[in-house]
């Protein structure tokens, strides 16, 4: 069957990776194309006539084995025959016709010449391994924001014991050419002294420099653990309006280094924290509400590049954290300090720091002990005020009532631990669907040590084998929207006919899988990215698979954010029509990788029983 060069050209312009070729290269490729109608009655003859060629399916469905790998089920837009050409091996091949259709054939030499182009070679190498070929993820100009602080710290901190004199501390700073000094007591961080402290508290007041350094240090300074990211450090420094942030070990609490404003400037490529800085200035609920409603406009205006979408969820989560702390502060200005230690806990997307424009609030209160009637009334009032305040700021109330305003979500430390014990005893599918959200938790305000005690007590409970097996089966309950013949399966009952719910059908599955490995390894951080980065060797998930899941998660998150901002919507129903040809291939590769990860998790944690 003959095809006009224009007919071939039109199809190639929609087929990755050829859609990115220069016009003259594409014209030459079209001239060397042959179109065949592949059916059961002619397949033997036509495949023999076209042995050694590259095949591109325009229509139809075929089961193909053309390498030493497993049989593949292919449909429109898929390729076969490239394994032999790339590897230089004449693999035995077989093609079963499940549904006849049109297939383009290209001579091996023509294809080999195109493999000299990096974008073509990378695409087919990725197709061979079903890996996500997403160079944009690797080259993201905002990926530095995801670096853990342990990777960023360039030198050991300059430390002084709390018994040192002011004069000795100043001499130590001068000797090491630093603008700040970490003060320790029993090797734990006790305070910080900066150049500004020396100017304002010593020189300006003619203070006796023989006094202990504790007389001028900032007591109990803001600090951050080494497993947090540069973005976390930027947000905290912006909120507190500080220029020096001590970094401590998350286990020993010993100082590891210092992040300074100059470090941020050296790394930063854009003022992504402008909105957080504005929120920090709000003095009342009206001002906070007015600033918070600028968030959607700010993100829509400033998130232009793909790399911007990588941090949009973190920006939104940090902003919601700040709103929460502001609202608690406003409440306490009217009602006084809390009658006991407490932690405001956030769950789900806010805890993972992957909020989107459609995320609702999920939160709770952890109390140091069971409150009496008066104390319970105080915290009930706080919860009601904060949850309603967040609603006024644009963070929707949770339709499932997973909020601190729900009395069941205000628990003492002992009750929270007992609750986890109950989860482990009865991990039914219905129960898991309910409490899964509580397994991604983070302290947003209040006493962080109280939250840490709860997490440490829960960790050994949540890694019990029967519990993990139940979680693995639940993580396998949802399947990726891809048919046996690699066709997308679309959501039903929606106006957009070719829509895929990326949250439910892909991103949530990755979150569930990564959470499973994190619990098994005793990791307590909620972020999917941080969990993947922190999984130790021997975790059951290889570094290669962890990196692949990371890239897939970022890729899917980008598609979701782009959909919401460009279409001014809050849903996760991404239209396949809106994707480029390469993105469609990447999405299929992502779905296949997620499916393999689901199968591996079921085998590891529940012996293959799903």
Protein backbone atom coordinates (compact mmCIF):
# COMPACT_ATOMS: atom_id res chain seq x y z
CA UNK A 1 0.00 0.00 0.00
CA UNK A 2 1.41 3.40 -0.93
CA UNK A 3 1.12 6.53 1.17
CA UNK A 4 1.69 10.09 0.06
CA UNK A 5 4.62 11.87 1.72
CA UNK A 6 2.15 14.46 3.09
CA UNK A 7 0.01 11.71 4.64
CA UNK A 8 3.09 10.25 6.32
CA UNK A 9 4.32 13.70 7.32
CA UNK A 10 1.05 14.57 9.06
CA UNK A 11 1.21 11.40 11.15
CA UNK A 12 4.91 11.76 12.01
CA UNK A 13 4.27 15.29 13.28
CA UNK A 14 2.11 13.73 16.02
CA UNK A 15 4.48 10.85 16.82
CA UNK A 16 7.26 11.22 19.39
CA UNK A 17 10.20 11.46 19.04
CA UNK A 18 9.89 12.35 15.35
CA UNK A 19 7.55 15.27 16.06
CA UNK A 20 10.56 17.24 17.29
CA UNK A 21 12.70 16.78 14.17
CA UNK A 22 13.61 19.61 11.82
CA UNK A 23 11.33 19.91 8.78
CA UNK A 24 13.96 18.76 6.27
CA UNK A 25 14.81 15.66 8.36
CA UNK A 26 11.12 14.86 8.76
CA UNK A 27 10.54 15.27 5.01
CA UNK A 28 13.36 12.83 4.25
CA UNK A 29 11.98 10.30 6.75
CA UNK A 30 8.51 10.55 5.21
CA UNK A 31 9.91 9.82 1.73
CA UNK A 32 11.40 6.54 2.97
CA UNK A 33 8.24 5.32 4.70
CA UNK A 34 6.09 2.44 3.54
CA UNK A 35 2.50 1.93 4.72
CA UNK A 36 1.11 -1.60 5.12
CA UNK A 37 -2.24 -2.96 6.26
CA UNK A 38 -1.31 -5.73 8.67
CA UNK A 39 -3.93 -8.47 9.07
CA UNK A 40 -3.94 -12.17 9.94
CA UNK A 41 -4.20 -13.26 6.30
CA UNK A 42 -1.17 -11.27 5.07
CA UNK A 43 1.08 -10.92 8.12
CA UNK A 44 3.53 -13.69 7.15
CA UNK A 45 4.21 -12.23 3.71
CA UNK A 46 4.33 -8.56 4.74
CA UNK A 47 6.55 -9.10 7.79
CA UNK A 48 8.93 -11.19 5.68
CA UNK A 49 9.11 -8.44 3.04
CA UNK A 50 9.86 -5.85 5.73
CA UNK A 51 12.28 -7.84 7.89
CA UNK A 52 14.77 -5.67 9.78
CA UNK A 53 12.71 -2.48 9.58
CA UNK A 54 11.27 -0.15 12.20
CA UNK A 55 7.49 -0.34 12.55
CA UNK A 56 5.20 2.47 13.77
CA UNK A 57 1.55 1.58 14.40
CA UNK A 58 -1.07 4.01 13.12
CA UNK A 59 -4.07 1.82 13.96
CA UNK A 60 -4.85 -1.70 15.17
CA UNK A 61 -3.73 -3.83 18.11
CA UNK A 62 -0.86 -6.32 18.05
CA UNK A 63 0.88 -8.69 20.47
CA UNK A 64 4.58 -8.48 19.63
CA UNK A 65 7.70 -10.30 20.80
CA UNK A 66 10.71 -8.72 19.10
CA UNK A 67 13.47 -9.00 21.71
CA UNK A 68 14.68 -11.18 24.56
CA UNK A 69 12.10 -9.48 26.79
CA UNK A 70 8.46 -10.41 27.36
CA UNK A 71 5.68 -10.09 24.80
CA UNK A 72 4.30 -6.56 24.48
CA UNK A 73 0.73 -5.54 23.69
CA UNK A 74 0.86 -2.56 21.32
CA UNK A 75 -1.53 -0.13 19.66
CA UNK A 76 -1.46 3.24 17.87
CA UNK A 77 1.66 5.31 18.43
CA UNK A 78 3.76 2.33 19.55
CA UNK A 79 6.91 1.03 17.84
CA UNK A 80 8.38 -2.42 17.32
CA UNK A 81 11.40 -3.83 15.49
CA UNK A 82 13.82 -1.30 17.00
CA UNK A 83 15.45 -3.74 19.45
CA UNK A 84 17.21 -5.66 16.66
CA UNK A 85 18.37 -2.47 14.92
CA UNK A 86 19.73 -0.84 18.10
CA UNK A 87 21.31 -3.99 19.57
CA UNK A 88 22.56 -5.35 16.23
CA UNK A 89 21.00 -8.70 17.06
CA UNK A 90 18.54 -10.58 14.83
CA UNK A 91 16.06 -11.44 17.58
CA UNK A 92 13.43 -14.05 16.68
CA UNK A 93 10.16 -12.16 16.36
CA UNK A 94 6.47 -12.94 16.34
CA UNK A 95 3.44 -10.71 15.76
CA UNK A 96 -0.09 -11.78 16.64
CA UNK A 97 -2.89 -9.74 15.09
CA UNK A 98 -5.43 -8.90 17.78
CA UNK A 99 -7.04 -6.22 15.62
CA UNK A 100 -5.77 -5.49 12.06
CA UNK A 101 -4.55 -2.01 11.23
CA UNK A 102 -2.18 0.34 9.40
CA UNK A 103 1.54 0.22 10.16
CA UNK A 104 4.37 2.41 8.81
CA UNK A 105 7.70 0.73 7.99
CA UNK A 106 11.07 2.51 7.89
CA UNK A 107 14.34 1.12 6.54
CA UNK A 108 16.97 0.23 9.14
CA UNK A 109 19.62 2.55 7.67
CA UNK A 110 17.25 5.51 7.75
CA UNK A 111 16.43 4.78 11.40
CA UNK A 112 20.12 4.31 12.30
CA UNK A 113 20.95 7.76 10.93
CA UNK A 114 18.28 9.26 13.19
CA UNK A 115 19.74 7.46 16.22
CA UNK A 116 22.70 9.85 15.96
CA UNK A 117 20.34 12.53 17.28
CA UNK A 118 20.37 12.46 21.13
CA UNK A 119 16.62 13.06 21.48
CA UNK A 120 15.82 10.09 19.22
CA UNK A 121 18.40 7.79 20.83
CA UNK A 122 17.24 8.69 24.36
CA UNK A 123 13.62 8.05 23.45
CA UNK A 124 14.20 4.55 22.09
CA UNK A 125 16.65 3.61 24.85
CA UNK A 126 13.94 4.60 27.32
CA UNK A 127 11.31 2.65 25.39
CA UNK A 128 13.53 -0.45 25.55
CA UNK A 129 13.57 -0.34 29.35
CA UNK A 130 10.14 1.27 29.91
CA UNK A 131 11.97 4.04 31.78
CA UNK A 132 10.67 7.57 31.99
CA UNK A 133 12.81 9.61 29.61
CA UNK A 134 12.17 12.98 31.15
CA UNK A 135 15.26 15.11 30.78
CA UNK A 136 13.33 18.11 32.02
CA UNK A 137 13.02 16.45 35.43
CA UNK A 138 16.75 15.89 35.62
CA UNK A 139 17.57 19.42 34.44
CA UNK A 140 14.91 21.21 36.47
CA UNK A 141 16.09 24.65 37.49
CA UNK A 142 14.32 24.24 40.82
CA UNK A 143 15.59 20.80 41.79
CA UNK A 144 18.15 22.42 44.09
CA UNK A 145 15.20 23.28 46.33
CA UNK A 146 14.66 19.56 46.94
CA UNK A 147 18.24 19.01 48.09
CA UNK A 148 18.50 17.96 51.70
CA UNK A 149 20.41 20.40 53.88
CA UNK A 150 23.02 17.72 54.56
CA UNK A 151 23.97 18.02 50.86
CA UNK A 152 24.08 21.81 50.94
CA UNK A 153 26.11 22.46 54.12
CA UNK A 154 29.64 23.26 52.98
CA UNK A 155 31.54 23.44 56.27
CA UNK A 156 31.44 22.27 59.86
CA UNK A 157 29.70 24.72 62.19
CA UNK A 158 31.74 26.96 64.47
CA UNK A 159 30.63 26.00 67.98
CA UNK A 160 31.28 27.45 71.43
CA UNK A 161 30.36 26.12 74.86
CA UNK A 162 27.84 28.14 76.85
CA UNK A 163 30.51 28.81 79.50
CA UNK A 164 32.67 30.85 77.10
CA UNK A 165 32.92 34.62 77.69
CA UNK A 166 31.58 37.22 75.26
CA UNK A 167 35.16 38.27 74.43
CA UNK A 168 36.23 34.68 73.73
CA UNK A 169 33.16 34.12 71.54
CA UNK A 170 33.91 37.26 69.50
CA UNK A 171 37.53 36.19 69.08
CA UNK A 172 36.40 32.74 67.89
CA UNK A 173 34.11 34.32 65.28
CA UNK A 174 36.92 36.58 64.06
CA UNK A 175 39.39 33.70 63.92
CA UNK A 176 37.02 31.59 61.79
CA UNK A 177 35.75 34.52 59.70
CA UNK A 178 32.08 33.74 60.40
CA UNK A 179 29.11 36.00 61.09
CA UNK A 180 27.46 33.68 63.60
CA UNK A 181 28.35 31.25 66.36
CA UNK A 182 26.39 28.25 67.64
CA UNK A 183 26.30 27.95 71.43
CA UNK A 184 25.96 24.47 72.93
CA UNK A 185 25.25 23.03 76.34
CA UNK A 186 26.01 19.34 76.86
CA UNK A 187 26.61 19.16 73.08
CA UNK A 188 23.00 20.21 72.34
CA UNK A 189 22.17 23.52 70.67
CA UNK A 190 21.33 26.13 73.31
CA UNK A 191 21.58 29.41 71.42
CA UNK A 192 23.13 31.49 68.65
CA UNK A 193 25.23 34.66 68.58
CA UNK A 194 25.52 36.82 65.45
CA UNK A 195 27.46 39.93 64.42
CA UNK A 196 24.28 41.88 65.03
CA UNK A 197 24.14 40.65 68.64
CA UNK A 198 27.70 41.87 69.20
CA UNK A 199 26.85 45.30 67.78
CA UNK A 200 23.49 45.79 69.51
CA UNK A 201 23.98 43.96 72.80
CA UNK A 202 27.68 44.49 73.49
CA UNK A 203 29.17 47.50 71.68
CA UNK A 204 26.06 49.70 71.77
CA UNK A 205 25.51 49.07 75.51
CA UNK A 206 29.19 48.90 76.55
CA UNK A 207 28.53 45.46 78.02
CA UNK A 208 31.26 43.77 80.05
CA UNK A 209 32.88 41.34 77.60
CA UNK A 210 33.91 39.12 80.48
CA UNK A 211 30.31 38.04 80.99
CA UNK A 212 29.30 34.57 79.75
CA UNK A 213 28.15 34.42 76.15
CA UNK A 214 24.71 33.28 77.36
CA UNK A 215 24.11 36.93 78.33
CA UNK A 216 23.89 38.01 74.68
CA UNK A 217 22.90 34.87 72.79
CA UNK A 218 19.45 34.27 71.31
CA UNK A 219 18.02 31.53 73.51
CA UNK A 220 16.23 28.56 71.88
CA UNK A 221 16.70 29.84 68.31
CA UNK A 222 14.79 28.63 65.28
CA UNK A 223 16.47 25.49 63.95
CA UNK A 224 15.96 22.86 61.28
CA UNK A 225 17.00 19.21 60.90
CA UNK A 226 19.49 18.09 58.27
CA UNK A 227 16.98 15.91 56.38
CA UNK A 228 14.79 18.92 55.51
CA UNK A 229 15.28 20.76 52.22
CA UNK A 230 16.61 24.12 51.09
CA UNK A 231 13.04 25.16 50.42
CA UNK A 232 12.09 24.38 54.03
CA UNK A 233 15.01 26.50 55.23
CA UNK A 234 14.03 29.38 52.93
CA UNK A 235 10.43 29.30 54.14
CA UNK A 236 11.38 29.24 57.83
CA UNK A 237 13.91 32.06 57.44
CA UNK A 238 11.38 34.13 55.51
CA UNK A 239 8.66 33.58 58.11
CA UNK A 240 10.91 34.37 61.11
CA UNK A 241 12.76 37.16 59.27
CA UNK A 242 16.15 35.71 60.25
CA UNK A 243 19.42 35.52 58.35
CA UNK A 244 21.05 32.57 60.17
CA UNK A 245 19.43 29.16 60.63
CA UNK A 246 21.20 26.38 62.60
CA UNK A 247 21.00 22.87 61.13
CA UNK A 248 20.87 20.02 63.65
CA UNK A 249 20.93 16.23 63.48
CA UNK A 250 17.35 14.97 63.60
CA UNK A 251 18.27 12.14 66.00
CA UNK A 252 20.99 13.50 68.30
CA UNK A 253 19.88 17.18 68.05
CA UNK A 254 23.55 18.16 67.80
CA UNK A 255 24.56 21.08 65.52
CA UNK A 256 25.64 20.07 62.01
CA UNK A 257 25.96 23.40 60.25
CA UNK A 258 24.45 26.76 59.44
CA UNK A 259 22.36 28.08 56.56
CA UNK A 260 22.73 31.81 55.98
CA UNK A 261 20.95 34.37 53.83
CA UNK A 262 24.00 34.45 51.55
CA UNK A 263 23.66 30.66 51.04
CA UNK A 264 20.07 31.20 49.93
CA UNK A 265 21.00 34.02 47.57
CA UNK A 266 23.76 31.89 46.06
CA UNK A 267 21.31 29.08 45.27
CA UNK A 268 18.09 30.97 44.60
CA UNK A 269 16.99 31.54 41.01
CA UNK A 270 13.69 33.31 41.62
CA UNK A 271 11.71 34.97 44.39
CA UNK A 272 9.39 32.01 45.00
CA UNK A 273 8.78 32.98 48.62
CA UNK A 274 7.32 36.41 48.03
CA UNK A 275 3.82 35.31 49.01
CA UNK A 276 5.05 33.69 52.25
CA UNK A 277 6.84 36.89 53.18
CA UNK A 278 3.62 38.82 52.64
CA UNK A 279 1.57 36.38 54.74
CA UNK A 280 4.03 36.75 57.62
CA UNK A 281 3.17 40.47 57.86
CA UNK A 282 -0.56 39.91 58.49
CA UNK A 283 -1.63 41.33 61.86
CA UNK A 284 -5.25 40.13 61.93
CA UNK A 285 -7.68 37.73 60.25
CA UNK A 286 -8.79 40.30 57.68
CA UNK A 287 -5.21 40.95 56.48
CA UNK A 288 -4.42 37.23 56.46
CA UNK A 289 -7.53 36.45 54.42
CA UNK A 290 -6.79 39.24 51.94
CA UNK A 291 -3.21 38.04 51.40
CA UNK A 292 -4.13 34.34 51.20
CA UNK A 293 -6.59 34.92 48.38
CA UNK A 294 -3.66 36.21 46.31
CA UNK A 295 -2.14 32.71 46.30
CA UNK A 296 -3.94 31.35 43.21
CA UNK A 297 -3.18 34.54 41.27
CA UNK A 298 0.45 34.49 42.44
CA UNK A 299 0.97 30.87 41.39
CA UNK A 300 -0.81 31.34 38.05
CA UNK A 301 1.32 34.41 37.33
CA UNK A 302 4.71 33.12 38.44
CA UNK A 303 4.57 29.37 37.69
CA UNK A 304 5.48 29.49 34.00
CA UNK A 305 8.25 26.91 33.61
CA UNK A 306 7.93 23.19 34.28
CA UNK A 307 10.44 23.51 37.12
CA UNK A 308 8.12 26.00 38.84
CA UNK A 309 5.48 23.28 39.21
CA UNK A 310 7.98 21.16 41.16
CA UNK A 311 7.81 23.53 44.13
CA UNK A 312 4.25 24.84 43.81
CA UNK A 313 2.95 22.20 46.24
CA UNK A 314 5.63 23.11 48.78
CA UNK A 315 4.88 26.83 48.42
CA UNK A 316 1.19 26.17 49.05
CA UNK A 317 1.86 23.84 52.00
CA UNK A 318 4.28 26.30 53.61
CA UNK A 319 1.75 29.10 53.12
CA UNK A 320 -0.98 26.97 54.75
CA UNK A 321 1.38 26.20 57.65
CA UNK A 322 1.94 29.91 58.14
CA UNK A 323 -1.79 30.68 58.00
CA UNK A 324 -2.30 28.02 60.68
CA UNK A 325 0.34 29.48 62.99
CA UNK A 326 -1.01 32.99 62.44
CA UNK A 327 -4.56 31.89 63.27
CA UNK A 328 -3.41 30.11 66.44
CA UNK A 329 -1.58 33.27 67.45
CA UNK A 330 -4.68 35.42 66.80
CA UNK A 331 -6.77 33.02 68.93
CA UNK A 332 -4.27 33.09 71.78
CA UNK A 333 -4.15 36.88 71.75
CA UNK A 334 -7.85 36.79 72.66
CA UNK A 335 -7.99 33.69 74.88
CA UNK A 336 -4.54 33.42 76.43
CA UNK A 337 -1.85 30.76 76.20
CA UNK A 338 -2.71 27.09 75.89
CA UNK A 339 -3.28 25.32 79.25
CA UNK A 340 -0.91 22.49 78.29
CA UNK A 341 1.59 21.47 75.63
CA UNK A 342 -0.04 20.67 72.28
CA UNK A 343 0.84 20.04 68.64
CA UNK A 344 -1.23 21.10 65.65
CA UNK A 345 -0.79 18.16 63.27
CA UNK A 346 -1.43 18.31 59.53
CA UNK A 347 -2.18 15.21 57.48
CA UNK A 348 -2.30 14.12 53.86
CA UNK A 349 -1.20 16.51 51.13
CA UNK A 350 -0.31 19.34 53.50
CA UNK A 351 1.87 16.98 55.52
CA UNK A 352 3.55 15.66 52.35
CA UNK A 353 3.85 19.23 51.04
CA UNK A 354 2.20 18.37 47.75
CA UNK A 355 -0.96 20.44 48.07
CA UNK A 356 -2.74 21.63 44.94
CA UNK A 357 -5.37 24.27 44.27
CA UNK A 358 -8.09 21.72 45.05
CA UNK A 359 -6.69 20.36 48.33
CA UNK A 360 -8.87 20.63 51.42
CA UNK A 361 -7.61 20.82 54.99
CA UNK A 362 -6.76 17.71 57.03
CA UNK A 363 -5.57 18.39 60.57
CA UNK A 364 -5.83 17.45 64.22
CA UNK A 365 -4.66 18.36 67.71
CA UNK A 366 -2.30 16.27 69.85
CA UNK A 367 -2.46 17.09 73.58
CA UNK A 368 0.12 16.29 76.25
CA UNK A 369 -2.57 14.64 78.42
CA UNK A 370 -6.32 14.22 78.67
CA UNK A 371 -7.84 17.67 79.21
CA UNK A 372 -10.33 18.58 81.90
CA UNK A 373 -13.60 20.24 80.90
CA UNK A 374 -12.19 23.78 80.87
CA UNK A 375 -9.07 22.76 78.94
CA UNK A 376 -11.15 20.80 76.45
CA UNK A 377 -13.28 23.90 75.87
CA UNK A 378 -10.16 25.99 75.17
CA UNK A 379 -8.85 23.57 72.53
CA UNK A 380 -12.29 23.10 70.99
CA UNK A 381 -12.50 26.87 70.55
CA UNK A 382 -9.00 27.02 69.07
CA UNK A 383 -9.76 24.22 66.61
CA UNK A 384 -13.04 25.81 65.52
CA UNK A 385 -11.40 29.21 65.04
CA UNK A 386 -8.40 27.88 63.09
CA UNK A 387 -10.35 25.51 60.83
CA UNK A 388 -12.95 28.16 59.97
CA UNK A 389 -10.17 30.71 59.52
CA UNK A 390 -8.38 28.43 57.06
CA UNK A 391 -11.67 28.05 55.22
CA UNK A 392 -11.93 31.84 54.91
CA UNK A 393 -8.36 31.86 53.60
CA UNK A 394 -9.33 29.51 50.76
CA UNK A 395 -8.27 26.16 52.28
CA UNK A 396 -11.53 24.25 52.03
CA UNK A 397 -13.11 22.49 55.00
CA UNK A 398 -12.67 18.73 54.77
CA UNK A 399 -15.89 17.04 53.58
CA UNK A 400 -14.83 13.92 55.53
CA UNK A 401 -14.45 16.00 58.73
CA UNK A 402 -10.74 15.15 59.12
CA UNK A 403 -10.19 18.36 61.08
CA UNK A 404 -9.22 19.39 64.58
CA UNK A 405 -12.73 20.83 65.00
CA UNK A 406 -13.89 17.19 65.14
CA UNK A 407 -13.55 16.04 68.81
CA UNK A 408 -12.31 12.64 67.60
CA UNK A 409 -9.26 14.38 66.09
CA UNK A 410 -8.24 16.02 69.39
CA UNK A 411 -6.35 13.27 71.20
CA UNK A 412 -3.97 13.01 74.13
CA UNK A 413 -0.58 11.44 73.50
CA UNK A 414 -1.65 8.21 75.22
CA UNK A 415 -4.88 8.03 73.21
CA UNK A 416 -3.03 8.65 69.94
CA UNK A 417 -0.68 5.74 70.65
CA UNK A 418 -3.64 3.52 71.62
CA UNK A 419 -5.35 4.50 68.36
CA UNK A 420 -2.34 3.28 66.36
CA UNK A 421 -2.43 0.00 68.28
CA UNK A 422 -6.05 -0.40 67.21
CA UNK A 423 -5.14 0.25 63.55
CA UNK A 424 -2.58 -2.54 63.68
CA UNK A 425 -5.01 -4.97 65.31
CA UNK A 426 -7.79 -4.49 62.73
CA UNK A 427 -6.32 -3.43 59.36
CA UNK A 428 -9.43 -4.12 57.27
CA UNK A 429 -9.71 -2.51 53.82
CA UNK A 430 -12.38 -0.13 55.11
CA UNK A 431 -10.26 0.79 58.13
CA UNK A 432 -7.15 1.33 55.99
CA UNK A 433 -9.03 3.64 53.62
CA UNK A 434 -9.95 5.73 56.67
CA UNK A 435 -6.67 5.88 58.58
CA UNK A 436 -4.26 5.90 55.60
CA UNK A 437 -4.34 9.69 55.63
CA UNK A 438 -3.08 9.75 59.24
CA UNK A 439 0.09 7.89 58.22
CA UNK A 440 1.32 11.05 56.49
CA UNK A 441 1.59 13.50 59.39
CA UNK A 442 3.65 16.55 60.28
CA UNK A 443 3.77 19.05 63.14
CA UNK A 444 2.80 22.48 61.79
CA UNK A 445 2.58 24.38 65.10
CA UNK A 446 3.01 23.90 68.82
CA UNK A 447 5.34 21.49 70.62
CA UNK A 448 7.36 19.52 68.06
CA UNK A 449 8.83 17.28 70.79
CA UNK A 450 5.35 16.09 71.74
CA UNK A 451 4.72 15.09 68.12
CA UNK A 452 8.11 13.37 67.98
CA UNK A 453 7.21 11.27 71.04
CA UNK A 454 4.05 10.09 69.30
CA UNK A 455 5.92 9.20 66.11
CA UNK A 456 8.62 7.28 67.99
CA UNK A 457 5.99 5.29 69.90
CA UNK A 458 4.01 4.53 66.73
CA UNK A 459 6.96 3.59 64.49
CA UNK A 460 7.49 0.01 65.77
CA UNK A 461 3.74 -0.63 65.69
CA UNK A 462 3.36 0.49 62.09
CA UNK A 463 6.12 -1.78 60.76
CA UNK A 464 4.52 -5.04 61.92
CA UNK A 465 4.36 -7.54 59.06
CA UNK A 466 0.60 -8.23 59.13
CA UNK A 467 -0.12 -4.50 59.07
CA UNK A 468 2.27 -3.88 56.16
CA UNK A 469 0.77 -6.81 54.26
CA UNK A 470 -2.68 -5.24 54.59
CA UNK A 471 -1.32 -1.88 53.40
CA UNK A 472 0.35 -3.56 50.41
CA UNK A 473 -2.92 -5.19 49.36
CA UNK A 474 -4.73 -1.88 49.69
CA UNK A 475 -2.02 -0.12 47.63
CA UNK A 476 -2.74 -2.64 44.88
CA UNK A 477 -6.50 -2.04 44.96
CA UNK A 478 -6.38 0.80 42.42
CA UNK A 479 -4.92 0.06 39.00
CA UNK A 480 -3.29 2.45 36.55
CA UNK A 481 -5.55 3.54 33.64
CA UNK A 482 -3.85 1.49 30.93
CA UNK A 483 -5.42 -1.37 29.00
CA UNK A 484 -3.67 -4.60 28.05
CA UNK A 485 -2.88 -3.05 24.66
CA UNK A 486 -1.30 0.04 26.24
CA UNK A 487 -4.31 2.23 25.56
CA UNK A 488 -5.35 4.87 28.05
CA UNK A 489 -8.51 4.08 30.01
CA UNK A 490 -10.52 7.26 30.55
CA UNK A 491 -12.74 8.37 33.42
CA UNK A 492 -16.45 7.84 32.85
CA UNK A 493 -19.24 10.32 33.42
CA UNK A 494 -17.22 13.49 32.80
CA UNK A 495 -17.64 16.26 30.25
CA UNK A 496 -14.08 15.75 29.01
CA UNK A 497 -14.15 12.34 27.35
CA UNK A 498 -10.40 11.60 27.36
CA UNK A 499 -9.66 12.62 30.96
CA UNK A 500 -7.49 10.69 33.43
CA UNK A 501 -7.61 11.35 37.18
CA UNK A 502 -3.87 11.62 37.82
CA UNK A 503 -4.33 11.93 41.57
CA UNK A 504 -6.34 8.75 42.17
CA UNK A 505 -4.95 6.64 39.32
CA UNK A 506 -1.25 7.44 39.66
CA UNK A 507 0.05 9.93 42.23
CA UNK A 508 -1.88 8.45 45.16
CA UNK A 509 -0.66 4.97 44.23
CA UNK A 510 2.97 6.15 44.34
CA UNK A 511 2.34 7.86 47.69
CA UNK A 512 0.86 4.62 49.05
CA UNK A 513 3.78 2.51 47.81
CA UNK A 514 6.48 4.83 49.10
CA UNK A 515 4.70 5.14 52.46
CA UNK A 516 4.77 1.34 52.70
CA UNK A 517 8.55 1.14 52.27
CA UNK A 518 9.03 4.11 54.63
CA UNK A 519 7.02 2.47 57.42
CA UNK A 520 8.88 -0.81 56.94
CA UNK A 521 12.17 1.05 57.42
CA UNK A 522 11.02 3.14 60.38
CA UNK A 523 11.07 6.47 58.52
CA UNK A 524 8.74 9.09 59.99
CA UNK A 525 9.00 11.99 57.52
CA UNK A 526 5.77 12.41 55.50
CA UNK A 527 7.06 13.77 52.18
CA UNK A 528 7.12 11.25 49.33
CA UNK A 529 10.26 12.84 47.89
CA UNK A 530 12.01 12.86 51.28
CA UNK A 531 11.03 9.25 51.94
CA UNK A 532 12.47 8.12 48.60
CA UNK A 533 15.69 10.03 49.29
CA UNK A 534 16.00 8.57 52.81
CA UNK A 535 15.35 4.89 52.12
CA UNK A 536 18.48 2.98 53.17
CA UNK A 537 20.28 0.33 51.15
CA UNK A 538 18.48 -2.96 51.63
CA UNK A 539 15.12 -1.24 52.03
CA UNK A 540 13.55 -3.51 49.43
CA UNK A 541 13.43 -0.70 46.86
CA UNK A 542 16.61 -0.29 44.81
CA UNK A 543 18.09 3.18 44.33
CA UNK A 544 17.32 2.85 40.60
CA UNK A 545 13.64 2.12 41.26
CA UNK A 546 13.48 4.87 43.89
CA UNK A 547 14.93 7.41 41.46
CA UNK A 548 12.51 6.27 38.76
CA UNK A 549 9.52 6.68 41.10
CA UNK A 550 10.84 10.12 42.07
CA UNK A 551 11.01 11.21 38.42
CA UNK A 552 7.56 9.78 37.71
CA UNK A 553 6.07 11.54 40.74
CA UNK A 554 7.57 14.87 39.64
CA UNK A 555 6.41 14.35 36.05
CA UNK A 556 2.83 13.57 37.12
CA UNK A 557 2.80 16.47 39.57
CA UNK A 558 3.85 18.83 36.79
CA UNK A 559 1.05 17.65 34.54
CA UNK A 560 -1.47 18.08 37.34
CA UNK A 561 -0.32 21.60 38.28
CA UNK A 562 -0.15 22.73 34.66
CA UNK A 563 -3.70 21.47 34.12
CA UNK A 564 -5.03 23.33 37.17
CA UNK A 565 -3.26 26.63 36.52
CA UNK A 566 -3.76 26.82 32.77
CA UNK A 567 -7.42 25.79 32.90
CA UNK A 568 -8.19 27.62 36.17
CA UNK A 569 -9.67 24.48 37.75
CA UNK A 570 -9.12 22.56 40.97
CA UNK A 571 -9.72 19.00 39.72
CA UNK A 572 -7.11 16.42 38.68
CA UNK A 573 -8.79 15.33 35.42
CA UNK A 574 -6.03 15.83 32.87
CA UNK A 575 -7.11 15.57 29.23
CA UNK A 576 -4.85 13.37 27.11
CA UNK A 577 -5.56 15.70 24.18
CA UNK A 578 -3.70 18.44 26.06
CA UNK A 579 -0.52 16.34 26.22
CA UNK A 580 2.23 16.41 23.64
CA UNK A 581 3.17 13.21 21.84
CA UNK A 582 6.27 12.72 24.00
CA UNK A 583 4.22 13.32 27.16
CA UNK A 584 1.76 10.62 26.10
CA UNK A 585 4.63 8.15 25.72
CA UNK A 586 6.09 9.26 29.05
CA UNK A 587 2.70 8.84 30.72
CA UNK A 588 2.38 5.29 29.41
CA UNK A 589 5.90 4.48 30.61
CA UNK A 590 5.05 5.99 34.00
CA UNK A 591 1.89 3.91 34.33
CA UNK A 592 3.74 0.71 33.44
CA UNK A 593 6.46 1.46 36.00
CA UNK A 594 3.84 2.13 38.71
CA UNK A 595 2.13 -1.16 37.88
CA UNK A 596 5.43 -3.04 38.23
CA UNK A 597 6.09 -1.31 41.56
CA UNK A 598 2.64 -2.38 42.80
CA UNK A 599 3.33 -5.99 41.87
CA UNK A 600 6.75 -5.89 43.56
CA UNK A 601 5.24 -4.46 46.77
CA UNK A 602 2.57 -7.16 46.90
CA UNK A 603 5.23 -9.85 46.45
CA UNK A 604 7.48 -8.36 49.15
CA UNK A 605 4.92 -7.55 51.81
CA UNK A 606 2.04 -9.98 51.30
CA UNK A 607 3.58 -12.94 49.51
CA UNK A 608 1.92 -12.13 46.18
CA UNK A 609 -1.61 -12.12 47.64
CA UNK A 610 -3.53 -9.07 46.43
